[in-house]
Amino acid sequence: MDYHYTIHPLGDSAITIDFGNVIDASINERVMALFHYLQKQNIPGVRDIIPCYSSLTIVYDPVTVSKVNVPDAYSFFKVQLDQSVKNAVVKNANSITLIKIPICYHETLAPDLKSLSAKTNLTTEEIIELHCDKVYRVFMIGFLPGFAYLGKVDSRIAVSRKENPSPFVRSGSVGIAGEQTGIYPLDSPGGWNIIGRTPRKMFDAHEKKPVLLNPGDSVQFVRVELEEFQQLTHESSKEK
């Protein structure tokens, strides 16, 4: 498949390749292929490579790049990106990691489930079934350390963010915003519609691998009842 893209500077020390403002799995797969390919190239001056839904940004050190025999940093990295689009290989679907996340939809953990039911004209059980029925792609990590943007939810439960964000959302809360679903890794304010909570830790700064989910992973939610949720939460707290 041919992908239309644009490349443009982002200030004087970064460059972005953009495939369009869309939530599309095939485009995100291309972005992640670029990310992994560029990581292996050891390009001089690269400070960071940041993949997003449908774009990727390279942050670089202009001083280091100036020591390379090239006309200017932007032209140098534009050539690198153009070549990478041709050479990067998208992962085989069979090699993608599937992670199952337990989630409890009990009303005490799902403050917005009833209001979502009213907005969608679906019962809470129908919403739960639709939410659990899909395998979601991790499109990107952002907002908070370990906050995974997952998509796409069934169109019947796709609702906009709340008009008035909640000042406090518990870590592990699972919400819906538009076509996305996501898990709050830390206590924080938030505007997503909270429909349940998971006992699993999305982020732990003390772990060698602090973030549970990574862009490109696949996620499936598995329903658990309140008693099992409490047991799993207790076991998780003992592991600290």
Protein backbone atom coordinates (compact mmCIF):
# COMPACT_ATOMS: atom_id res chain seq x y z
CA MET A 1 0.00 0.00 0.00
CA ASP A 2 1.22 3.51 -0.84
CA TYR A 3 1.09 5.98 2.04
CA HIS A 4 0.84 9.71 1.43
CA TYR A 5 2.91 11.67 3.90
CA THR A 6 4.40 15.10 4.52
CA ILE A 7 7.67 15.99 6.23
CA HIS A 8 8.12 19.31 7.99
CA PRO A 9 10.41 20.93 10.56
CA LEU A 10 9.29 21.23 14.19
CA GLY A 11 11.32 24.16 15.45
CA ASP A 12 15.07 24.18 14.85
CA SER A 13 15.88 20.78 16.39
CA ALA A 14 13.12 18.39 15.35
CA ILE A 15 11.48 17.03 12.22
CA THR A 16 8.10 15.31 11.80
CA ILE A 17 6.76 12.87 9.23
CA ASP A 18 2.95 12.98 9.15
CA PHE A 19 0.62 10.46 7.48
CA GLY A 20 -2.55 12.45 8.24
CA ASN A 21 -4.71 13.23 11.28
CA VAL A 22 -6.46 9.87 11.52
CA ILE A 23 -6.86 6.88 13.82
CA ASP A 24 -5.99 4.02 11.50
CA ALA A 25 -4.31 0.74 12.44
CA SER A 26 -2.44 0.29 9.15
CA ILE A 27 -0.98 3.79 9.32
CA ASN A 28 0.00 3.31 12.95
CA GLU A 29 1.69 0.04 11.98
CA ARG A 30 3.70 2.00 9.42
CA VAL A 31 4.65 4.59 12.06
CA MET A 32 5.84 1.87 14.44
CA ALA A 33 7.80 0.18 11.65
CA LEU A 34 9.58 3.51 11.05
CA PHE A 35 10.20 3.87 14.78
CA HIS A 36 11.87 0.45 15.12
CA TYR A 37 13.81 0.88 11.88
CA LEU A 38 15.18 4.31 12.85
CA GLN A 39 16.16 3.08 16.31
CA LYS A 40 18.54 0.61 14.67
CA GLN A 41 20.19 3.11 12.31
CA ASN A 42 22.36 4.94 14.88
CA ILE A 43 21.89 8.23 13.03
CA PRO A 44 24.25 10.90 14.41
CA GLY A 45 22.68 13.63 16.51
CA VAL A 46 19.40 11.85 17.30
CA ARG A 47 18.20 12.65 20.82
CA ASP A 48 14.78 11.03 20.71
CA ILE A 49 12.33 9.34 18.34
CA ILE A 50 8.67 9.87 19.24
CA PRO A 51 5.93 7.79 17.56
CA CYS A 52 2.31 8.96 17.69
CA TYR A 53 -0.99 7.84 16.14
CA SER A 54 -0.14 8.79 12.56
CA SER A 55 3.12 10.73 12.79
CA LEU A 56 6.66 10.38 14.05
CA THR A 57 9.06 13.05 15.29
CA ILE A 58 12.84 12.92 15.44
CA VAL A 59 14.43 15.27 17.98
CA TYR A 60 18.08 15.99 17.18
CA ASP A 61 21.11 17.99 18.29
CA PRO A 62 21.90 20.55 15.56
CA VAL A 63 25.50 20.95 16.77
CA THR A 64 26.24 17.24 16.36
CA VAL A 65 24.56 17.15 12.96
CA SER A 66 26.55 20.19 11.82
CA LYS A 67 29.72 18.10 12.16
CA VAL A 68 28.42 15.68 9.53
CA ASN A 69 29.18 16.63 5.93
CA VAL A 70 25.59 17.63 5.01
CA PRO A 71 24.03 20.90 3.74
CA ASP A 72 21.78 21.33 6.82
CA ALA A 73 20.14 19.24 9.54
CA TYR A 74 16.62 19.41 8.10
CA SER A 75 17.69 18.20 4.66
CA PHE A 76 19.80 15.47 6.24
CA PHE A 77 16.91 14.08 8.30
CA LYS A 78 14.38 14.49 5.48
CA VAL A 79 16.52 12.14 3.38
CA GLN A 80 16.72 9.71 6.31
CA LEU A 81 12.92 9.69 6.68
CA ASP A 82 12.25 9.30 2.96
CA GLN A 83 14.61 6.31 2.87
CA SER A 84 13.09 4.84 6.02
CA VAL A 85 9.58 4.87 4.54
CA LYS A 86 10.90 2.69 1.69
CA ASN A 87 12.96 0.34 3.87
CA ALA A 88 10.99 -0.12 7.11
CA VAL A 89 9.15 -3.44 7.32
CA VAL A 90 5.78 -3.68 9.09
CA LYS A 91 5.58 -6.41 11.73
CA ASN A 92 3.80 -9.62 10.90
CA ALA A 93 0.44 -9.74 12.71
CA ASN A 94 1.42 -13.05 14.33
CA SER A 95 4.36 -11.37 16.12
CA ILE A 96 2.21 -8.75 17.88
CA THR A 97 1.94 -9.17 21.66
CA LEU A 98 -1.58 -9.76 23.03
CA ILE A 99 -2.04 -8.65 26.64
CA LYS A 100 -5.22 -9.51 28.55
CA ILE A 101 -6.27 -6.92 31.11
CA PRO A 102 -8.75 -7.83 33.89
CA ILE A 103 -11.42 -5.20 34.40
CA CYS A 104 -14.27 -4.87 36.88
CA TYR A 105 -17.36 -2.94 35.77
CA HIS A 106 -19.03 -2.82 39.19
CA GLU A 107 -20.95 0.41 39.75
CA THR A 108 -18.63 1.43 42.60
CA LEU A 109 -15.73 1.45 40.13
CA ALA A 110 -17.62 2.80 37.12
CA PRO A 111 -18.97 6.28 37.92
CA ASP A 112 -19.88 7.09 34.31
CA LEU A 113 -21.31 3.76 33.16
CA LYS A 114 -24.94 4.74 33.79
CA SER A 115 -24.59 8.12 32.08
CA LEU A 116 -22.95 6.36 29.12
CA SER A 117 -25.94 4.04 29.03
CA ALA A 118 -28.26 7.05 28.82
CA LYS A 119 -26.18 8.65 26.04
CA THR A 120 -26.02 5.51 23.91
CA ASN A 121 -29.46 4.02 24.61
CA LEU A 122 -27.72 0.77 25.51
CA THR A 123 -27.98 -1.15 28.76
CA THR A 124 -24.89 -1.25 30.97
CA GLU A 125 -24.56 -4.96 30.17
CA GLU A 126 -24.59 -4.24 26.43
CA ILE A 127 -21.89 -1.61 26.89
CA ILE A 128 -19.75 -4.05 28.87
CA GLU A 129 -20.16 -6.76 26.25
CA LEU A 130 -19.20 -4.38 23.44
CA HIS A 131 -16.18 -3.11 25.38
CA CYS A 132 -14.89 -6.64 26.10
CA ASP A 133 -15.68 -8.01 22.68
CA LYS A 134 -12.87 -6.25 20.79
CA VAL A 135 -9.11 -6.61 20.63
CA TYR A 136 -7.62 -3.11 20.81
CA ARG A 137 -4.41 -1.74 19.39
CA VAL A 138 -2.10 0.41 21.53
CA PHE A 139 -1.72 3.39 19.22
CA MET A 140 0.53 5.50 21.44
CA ILE A 141 1.59 6.30 25.01
CA GLY A 142 1.03 9.82 26.30
CA PHE A 143 -0.66 12.25 28.71
CA LEU A 144 0.76 10.37 31.72
CA PRO A 145 3.59 7.81 32.01
CA GLY A 146 2.12 4.53 30.80
CA PHE A 147 -1.22 5.97 29.61
CA ALA A 148 -2.04 3.83 26.58
CA TYR A 149 -4.40 5.13 23.92
CA LEU A 150 -6.34 2.10 22.68
CA GLY A 151 -8.67 1.85 19.72
CA LYS A 152 -11.01 1.62 18.22
CA VAL A 153 -14.06 1.02 20.39
CA ASP A 154 -17.31 -0.14 18.84
CA SER A 155 -19.00 2.89 17.25
CA ARG A 156 -22.08 2.29 19.43
CA ILE A 157 -20.15 3.20 22.58
CA ALA A 158 -17.99 5.96 21.10
CA VAL A 159 -18.89 9.10 23.05
CA SER A 160 -17.07 12.40 23.48
CA ARG A 161 -15.12 13.39 26.57
CA LYS A 162 -17.06 14.77 29.50
CA GLU A 163 -17.81 18.50 29.30
CA ASN A 164 -16.60 18.91 32.88
CA PRO A 165 -13.50 16.80 33.64
CA SER A 166 -13.33 15.01 36.99
CA PRO A 167 -10.77 16.54 39.38
CA PHE A 168 -9.73 13.07 40.57
CA VAL A 169 -9.68 9.76 38.69
CA ARG A 170 -8.29 6.66 40.40
CA SER A 171 -5.34 4.83 38.89
CA GLY A 172 -6.48 1.77 36.97
CA SER A 173 -9.70 3.45 35.86
CA VAL A 174 -10.74 2.52 32.34
CA GLY A 175 -12.44 5.16 30.26
CA ILE A 176 -13.84 5.95 26.83
CA ALA A 177 -13.33 9.14 24.83
CA GLY A 178 -14.46 9.22 21.22
CA GLU A 179 -13.21 6.14 19.40
CA GLN A 180 -10.60 5.50 22.08
CA THR A 181 -10.48 3.60 25.33
CA GLY A 182 -7.67 4.00 27.84
CA ILE A 183 -6.40 3.15 31.31
CA TYR A 184 -5.30 5.78 33.82
CA PRO A 185 -1.90 4.64 35.16
CA LEU A 186 -1.85 7.15 38.04
CA ASP A 187 -4.32 9.13 40.13
CA SER A 188 -5.03 12.29 38.17
CA PRO A 189 -7.71 14.63 36.85
CA GLY A 190 -9.40 13.34 33.72
CA GLY A 191 -12.23 13.86 31.26
CA TRP A 192 -12.80 10.35 29.95
CA ASN A 193 -16.01 8.44 30.71
CA ILE A 194 -15.01 5.92 33.39
CA ILE A 195 -16.72 2.55 32.94
CA GLY A 196 -14.58 0.26 35.13
CA ARG A 197 -11.21 -0.32 36.76
CA THR A 198 -8.36 -2.79 36.46
CA PRO A 199 -6.20 -4.06 39.34
CA ARG A 200 -3.16 -4.24 37.05
CA LYS A 201 -0.47 -1.59 37.29
CA MET A 202 0.09 0.30 34.06
CA PHE A 203 3.15 2.12 35.39
CA ASP A 204 5.63 1.31 38.15
CA ALA A 205 8.73 3.50 38.35
CA HIS A 206 10.52 0.86 40.46
CA GLU A 207 10.31 -1.84 37.79
CA LYS A 208 13.05 -2.46 35.22
CA LYS A 209 10.31 -2.17 32.60
CA PRO A 210 8.09 0.52 34.19
CA VAL A 211 5.40 0.64 31.49
CA LEU A 212 3.15 -2.39 30.96
CA LEU A 213 1.85 -1.54 27.49
CA ASN A 214 3.79 -0.38 24.45
CA PRO A 215 2.73 1.05 21.08
CA GLY A 216 1.86 -1.76 18.72
CA ASP A 217 0.68 -4.16 21.45
CA SER A 218 -2.80 -5.68 21.31
CA VAL A 219 -5.07 -5.53 24.36
CA GLN A 220 -8.20 -7.42 25.30
CA PHE A 221 -10.25 -6.66 28.41
CA VAL A 222 -11.41 -9.62 30.49
CA ARG A 223 -14.31 -9.05 32.86
CA VAL A 224 -13.89 -9.94 36.55
CA GLU A 225 -16.36 -9.55 39.37
CA LEU A 226 -15.83 -7.26 42.36
CA GLU A 227 -14.55 -9.97 44.70
CA GLU A 228 -11.89 -11.08 42.23
CA PHE A 229 -10.96 -7.47 41.55
CA GLN A 230 -10.42 -6.88 45.27
CA GLN A 231 -8.34 -10.05 45.57
CA LEU A 232 -6.17 -9.12 42.58
CA THR A 233 -5.74 -5.58 43.94
CA HIS A 234 -4.64 -6.99 47.30
CA GLU A 235 -2.14 -9.33 45.64
CA SER A 236 -0.78 -6.47 43.53
CA SER A 237 -0.27 -4.27 46.60
CA LYS A 238 1.71 -7.04 48.35
CA GLU A 239 4.14 -7.16 45.44
CA LYS A 240 5.40 -3.65 46.15
